[in-house]
Amino acid sequence: MEPDRNFISLLIPAVQQQSTPDQLTVLCQVKNFYPEYVTVSWSVDTQDAPGDKKDTKAVRSSDGTYSMSSILSVSRSTWDAAQAFTCQVHHESLKTPASHSVSKSECQE
């Protein structure tokens, strides 16, 4: 069966994980995309996200589609000042980038 080339699902869990007392992380999961190449960018409120972004390598599923995660680490001061975090996915199957935002109030510390 041919993978659905136009389906990307984004999840930003309403859970923020604490890696150190001064560093917090937000996770974006990108699922069910094909072909393999995808890029993810982050913004905090309406600005490019400050902090470290780490992307996992895309993993192929049994149905031929791919999944990957992007992790944004931000300082406590950035977290405290922010209202929302947005994950934006760029993929050749999309006419415009797909994005998903989560407000800080939806996250748990």
N, C-alpha and C. Protein backbone atom coordinates (compact mmCIF):
# COMPACT_ATOMS: atom_id res chain seq x y z
N MET A 1 0.84 -1.18 0.00
CA MET A 1 0.00 0.00 0.00
C MET A 1 0.89 1.25 0.00
N GLU A 2 0.56 2.18 -0.83
CA GLU A 2 1.31 3.44 -0.94
C GLU A 2 1.04 4.31 0.29
N PRO A 3 2.09 4.83 0.95
CA PRO A 3 1.86 5.70 2.10
C PRO A 3 1.11 6.96 1.67
N ASP A 4 0.31 7.48 2.57
CA ASP A 4 -0.39 8.74 2.33
C ASP A 4 0.64 9.86 2.38
N ARG A 5 0.92 10.48 1.26
CA ARG A 5 1.99 11.47 1.16
C ARG A 5 1.58 12.84 1.69
N ASN A 6 0.34 13.02 2.07
CA ASN A 6 -0.11 14.34 2.50
C ASN A 6 -0.59 14.37 3.94
N PHE A 7 -0.09 13.49 4.77
CA PHE A 7 -0.59 13.44 6.14
C PHE A 7 0.54 13.60 7.13
N ILE A 8 0.51 14.69 7.86
CA ILE A 8 1.47 14.91 8.94
C ILE A 8 0.67 15.26 10.17
N SER A 9 0.92 14.57 11.25
CA SER A 9 0.25 14.91 12.50
C SER A 9 1.28 15.46 13.46
N LEU A 10 0.91 16.53 14.13
CA LEU A 10 1.80 17.19 15.07
C LEU A 10 1.24 17.05 16.46
N LEU A 11 2.11 16.74 17.40
CA LEU A 11 1.71 16.66 18.79
C LEU A 11 2.71 17.43 19.63
N ILE A 12 2.23 18.34 20.41
CA ILE A 12 3.08 18.94 21.43
C ILE A 12 2.41 18.56 22.74
N PRO A 13 2.98 17.61 23.46
CA PRO A 13 2.33 17.18 24.70
C PRO A 13 2.19 18.34 25.67
N ALA A 14 1.13 18.32 26.42
CA ALA A 14 0.90 19.35 27.44
C ALA A 14 1.71 19.00 28.69
N VAL A 15 2.94 18.63 28.47
CA VAL A 15 3.84 18.31 29.57
C VAL A 15 5.19 18.91 29.22
N GLN A 16 5.71 19.69 30.08
CA GLN A 16 7.03 20.28 29.91
C GLN A 16 7.93 19.56 30.88
N GLN A 17 9.06 19.09 30.41
CA GLN A 17 9.95 18.31 31.25
C GLN A 17 11.10 19.19 31.71
N GLN A 18 11.53 18.98 32.91
CA GLN A 18 12.62 19.76 33.45
C GLN A 18 13.90 18.95 33.36
N SER A 19 14.85 19.43 32.55
CA SER A 19 16.11 18.72 32.45
C SER A 19 17.09 19.19 33.52
N THR A 20 17.08 20.46 33.83
CA THR A 20 17.83 21.03 34.96
C THR A 20 16.95 22.12 35.54
N PRO A 21 17.24 22.62 36.72
CA PRO A 21 16.39 23.67 37.28
C PRO A 21 16.29 24.92 36.40
N ASP A 22 17.32 25.20 35.60
CA ASP A 22 17.31 26.40 34.77
C ASP A 22 17.02 26.12 33.30
N GLN A 23 16.75 24.87 32.93
CA GLN A 23 16.54 24.50 31.54
C GLN A 23 15.26 23.67 31.43
N LEU A 24 14.37 24.05 30.50
CA LEU A 24 13.12 23.32 30.32
C LEU A 24 12.99 22.91 28.86
N THR A 25 12.24 21.83 28.60
CA THR A 25 12.11 21.32 27.24
C THR A 25 10.66 21.19 26.82
N VAL A 26 10.44 21.37 25.52
CA VAL A 26 9.13 21.17 24.90
C VAL A 26 9.36 20.23 23.72
N LEU A 27 8.44 19.30 23.50
CA LEU A 27 8.59 18.25 22.50
C LEU A 27 7.55 18.39 21.40
N CYS A 28 7.98 18.25 20.16
CA CYS A 28 7.08 18.21 19.00
C CYS A 28 7.30 16.88 18.29
N GLN A 29 6.25 16.10 18.12
CA GLN A 29 6.34 14.82 17.42
C GLN A 29 5.68 14.98 16.05
N VAL A 30 6.39 14.58 15.02
CA VAL A 30 5.88 14.63 13.66
C VAL A 30 5.73 13.19 13.19
N LYS A 31 4.54 12.84 12.75
CA LYS A 31 4.26 11.44 12.41
C LYS A 31 3.64 11.31 11.03
N ASN A 32 3.81 10.14 10.45
CA ASN A 32 3.13 9.73 9.22
C ASN A 32 3.46 10.61 8.03
N PHE A 33 4.74 10.92 7.84
CA PHE A 33 5.12 11.70 6.66
C PHE A 33 5.95 10.85 5.71
N TYR A 34 5.91 11.20 4.45
CA TYR A 34 6.66 10.53 3.40
C TYR A 34 6.80 11.51 2.25
N PRO A 35 7.94 11.64 1.65
CA PRO A 35 9.20 10.96 1.92
C PRO A 35 9.86 11.43 3.22
N GLU A 36 11.06 10.91 3.45
CA GLU A 36 11.72 11.01 4.75
C GLU A 36 12.12 12.42 5.16
N TYR A 37 12.53 13.27 4.24
CA TYR A 37 13.11 14.56 4.62
C TYR A 37 12.05 15.54 5.13
N VAL A 38 12.30 16.09 6.32
CA VAL A 38 11.40 17.06 6.94
C VAL A 38 12.25 18.02 7.76
N THR A 39 11.81 19.27 7.87
CA THR A 39 12.49 20.21 8.75
C THR A 39 11.48 20.78 9.74
N VAL A 40 11.97 21.06 10.94
CA VAL A 40 11.12 21.60 12.00
C VAL A 40 11.76 22.88 12.51
N SER A 41 10.94 23.90 12.69
CA SER A 41 11.42 25.14 13.30
C SER A 41 10.51 25.46 14.48
N TRP A 42 11.02 26.27 15.38
CA TRP A 42 10.30 26.62 16.60
C TRP A 42 10.17 28.13 16.73
N SER A 43 9.08 28.57 17.33
CA SER A 43 8.97 29.97 17.73
C SER A 43 8.39 30.03 19.13
N VAL A 44 8.77 31.08 19.82
CA VAL A 44 8.23 31.37 21.14
C VAL A 44 7.48 32.68 20.99
N ASP A 45 6.19 32.64 21.28
CA ASP A 45 5.29 33.73 20.95
C ASP A 45 5.42 33.96 19.44
N THR A 46 5.84 35.10 18.97
CA THR A 46 5.94 35.30 17.51
C THR A 46 7.39 35.41 17.04
N GLN A 47 8.34 35.11 17.90
CA GLN A 47 9.76 35.25 17.56
C GLN A 47 10.40 33.87 17.38
N ASP A 48 11.48 33.83 16.57
CA ASP A 48 12.25 32.59 16.49
C ASP A 48 12.67 32.19 17.89
N ALA A 49 12.60 30.91 18.15
CA ALA A 49 12.87 30.42 19.51
C ALA A 49 14.35 30.53 19.85
N PRO A 50 14.63 31.14 21.00
CA PRO A 50 16.00 31.09 21.49
C PRO A 50 16.21 29.74 22.17
N GLY A 51 17.40 29.28 22.24
CA GLY A 51 17.66 28.01 22.92
C GLY A 51 18.11 26.94 21.96
N ASP A 52 18.29 25.75 22.49
CA ASP A 52 18.78 24.62 21.70
C ASP A 52 17.63 23.83 21.13
N LYS A 53 17.76 23.43 19.86
CA LYS A 53 16.78 22.56 19.21
C LYS A 53 17.53 21.31 18.77
N LYS A 54 16.98 20.16 19.14
CA LYS A 54 17.57 18.89 18.72
C LYS A 54 16.49 18.07 18.01
N ASP A 55 16.83 17.59 16.83
CA ASP A 55 15.90 16.76 16.06
C ASP A 55 16.40 15.32 16.06
N THR A 56 15.47 14.38 16.26
CA THR A 56 15.84 12.98 16.14
C THR A 56 15.88 12.62 14.66
N LYS A 57 16.54 11.54 14.36
CA LYS A 57 16.56 11.03 12.99
C LYS A 57 15.18 10.45 12.68
N ALA A 58 14.71 10.63 11.45
CA ALA A 58 13.43 10.06 11.05
C ALA A 58 13.51 8.53 11.07
N VAL A 59 12.48 7.91 11.62
CA VAL A 59 12.41 6.46 11.74
C VAL A 59 11.28 5.96 10.84
N ARG A 60 11.57 4.95 10.04
CA ARG A 60 10.57 4.40 9.13
C ARG A 60 9.66 3.42 9.85
N SER A 61 8.36 3.58 9.66
CA SER A 61 7.36 2.68 10.24
C SER A 61 7.08 1.53 9.28
N SER A 62 6.36 0.53 9.76
CA SER A 62 6.05 -0.64 8.94
C SER A 62 5.18 -0.29 7.74
N ASP A 63 4.43 0.82 7.81
CA ASP A 63 3.58 1.22 6.68
C ASP A 63 4.34 2.07 5.66
N GLY A 64 5.64 2.30 5.90
CA GLY A 64 6.46 3.05 4.95
C GLY A 64 6.54 4.54 5.23
N THR A 65 5.77 5.03 6.19
CA THR A 65 5.86 6.45 6.55
C THR A 65 6.94 6.64 7.61
N TYR A 66 7.25 7.89 7.89
CA TYR A 66 8.31 8.21 8.84
C TYR A 66 7.77 9.02 10.01
N SER A 67 8.51 8.97 11.11
CA SER A 67 8.21 9.75 12.31
C SER A 67 9.51 10.31 12.85
N MET A 68 9.43 11.47 13.49
CA MET A 68 10.59 12.06 14.14
C MET A 68 10.11 13.01 15.23
N SER A 69 11.05 13.43 16.07
CA SER A 69 10.73 14.38 17.14
C SER A 69 11.71 15.53 17.10
N SER A 70 11.23 16.68 17.56
CA SER A 70 12.08 17.84 17.72
C SER A 70 11.93 18.31 19.16
N ILE A 71 13.05 18.58 19.81
CA ILE A 71 13.04 18.97 21.22
C ILE A 71 13.65 20.35 21.34
N LEU A 72 12.89 21.27 21.93
CA LEU A 72 13.37 22.63 22.17
C LEU A 72 13.69 22.78 23.65
N SER A 73 14.92 23.18 23.94
CA SER A 73 15.33 23.46 25.32
C SER A 73 15.46 24.97 25.47
N VAL A 74 14.80 25.51 26.48
CA VAL A 74 14.85 26.95 26.72
C VAL A 74 15.23 27.23 28.17
N SER A 75 15.72 28.41 28.40
CA SER A 75 16.09 28.81 29.76
C SER A 75 14.83 29.07 30.58
N ARG A 76 14.97 29.03 31.87
CA ARG A 76 13.86 29.31 32.77
C ARG A 76 13.31 30.73 32.51
N SER A 77 14.19 31.69 32.25
CA SER A 77 13.73 33.06 32.02
C SER A 77 12.91 33.16 30.73
N THR A 78 13.31 32.43 29.67
CA THR A 78 12.52 32.41 28.44
C THR A 78 11.17 31.76 28.70
N TRP A 79 11.17 30.64 29.42
CA TRP A 79 9.93 29.96 29.77
C TRP A 79 9.00 30.89 30.54
N ASP A 80 9.53 31.56 31.55
CA ASP A 80 8.70 32.43 32.38
C ASP A 80 8.10 33.58 31.60
N ALA A 81 8.82 34.10 30.60
CA ALA A 81 8.34 35.25 29.82
C ALA A 81 7.41 34.85 28.68
N ALA A 82 7.41 33.59 28.28
CA ALA A 82 6.66 33.14 27.09
C ALA A 82 5.18 32.93 27.38
N GLN A 83 4.38 33.09 26.32
CA GLN A 83 2.96 32.76 26.38
C GLN A 83 2.66 31.47 25.61
N ALA A 84 3.36 31.25 24.48
CA ALA A 84 3.07 30.08 23.64
C ALA A 84 4.33 29.61 22.92
N PHE A 85 4.35 28.31 22.63
CA PHE A 85 5.42 27.68 21.88
C PHE A 85 4.81 27.08 20.61
N THR A 86 5.45 27.29 19.47
CA THR A 86 4.92 26.79 18.20
C THR A 86 5.98 25.96 17.48
N CYS A 87 5.55 24.79 17.04
CA CYS A 87 6.37 23.89 16.24
C CYS A 87 5.86 24.01 14.80
N GLN A 88 6.76 24.28 13.86
CA GLN A 88 6.37 24.43 12.46
C GLN A 88 7.12 23.39 11.62
N VAL A 89 6.37 22.63 10.82
CA VAL A 89 6.92 21.54 10.03
C VAL A 89 6.89 21.90 8.55
N HIS A 90 8.05 21.75 7.91
CA HIS A 90 8.19 21.99 6.48
C HIS A 90 8.43 20.64 5.81
N HIS A 91 7.57 20.30 4.84
CA HIS A 91 7.69 19.02 4.14
C HIS A 91 7.19 19.20 2.72
N GLU A 92 7.80 18.47 1.79
CA GLU A 92 7.44 18.65 0.38
C GLU A 92 5.99 18.31 0.06
N SER A 93 5.33 17.51 0.88
CA SER A 93 3.94 17.16 0.61
C SER A 93 2.97 18.26 1.04
N LEU A 94 3.48 19.28 1.72
CA LEU A 94 2.63 20.36 2.21
C LEU A 94 2.77 21.60 1.34
N LYS A 95 1.64 22.21 0.99
CA LYS A 95 1.68 23.47 0.23
C LYS A 95 2.19 24.60 1.11
N THR A 96 1.79 24.59 2.37
CA THR A 96 2.29 25.55 3.35
C THR A 96 2.73 24.76 4.58
N PRO A 97 3.66 25.28 5.35
CA PRO A 97 4.11 24.55 6.54
C PRO A 97 2.95 24.27 7.50
N ALA A 98 3.01 23.13 8.15
CA ALA A 98 2.03 22.78 9.18
C ALA A 98 2.58 23.25 10.52
N SER A 99 1.71 23.77 11.36
CA SER A 99 2.19 24.22 12.67
C SER A 99 1.19 23.87 13.76
N HIS A 100 1.71 23.80 14.95
CA HIS A 100 0.87 23.55 16.12
C HIS A 100 1.44 24.35 17.27
N SER A 101 0.57 25.02 18.00
CA SER A 101 1.01 25.82 19.14
C SER A 101 0.41 25.28 20.42
N VAL A 102 1.13 25.49 21.48
CA VAL A 102 0.63 25.15 22.80
C VAL A 102 0.92 26.34 23.70
N SER A 103 -0.07 26.73 24.47
CA SER A 103 0.15 27.85 25.39
C SER A 103 0.82 27.33 26.66
N LYS A 104 1.56 28.19 27.29
CA LYS A 104 2.27 27.79 28.50
C LYS A 104 1.28 27.31 29.56
N SER A 105 0.09 27.88 29.59
CA SER A 105 -0.89 27.48 30.60
C SER A 105 -1.35 26.03 30.41
N GLU A 106 -1.18 25.47 29.21
CA GLU A 106 -1.54 24.07 28.96
C GLU A 106 -0.47 23.10 29.43
N CYS A 107 0.70 23.60 29.72
CA CYS A 107 1.82 22.75 30.12
C CYS A 107 1.88 22.62 31.62
N GLN A 108 2.45 21.50 32.05
CA GLN A 108 2.62 21.24 33.48
C GLN A 108 4.08 21.39 33.82
N GLU A 109 4.36 22.02 34.93
CA GLU A 109 5.75 22.12 35.38
C GLU A 109 6.00 21.08 36.43
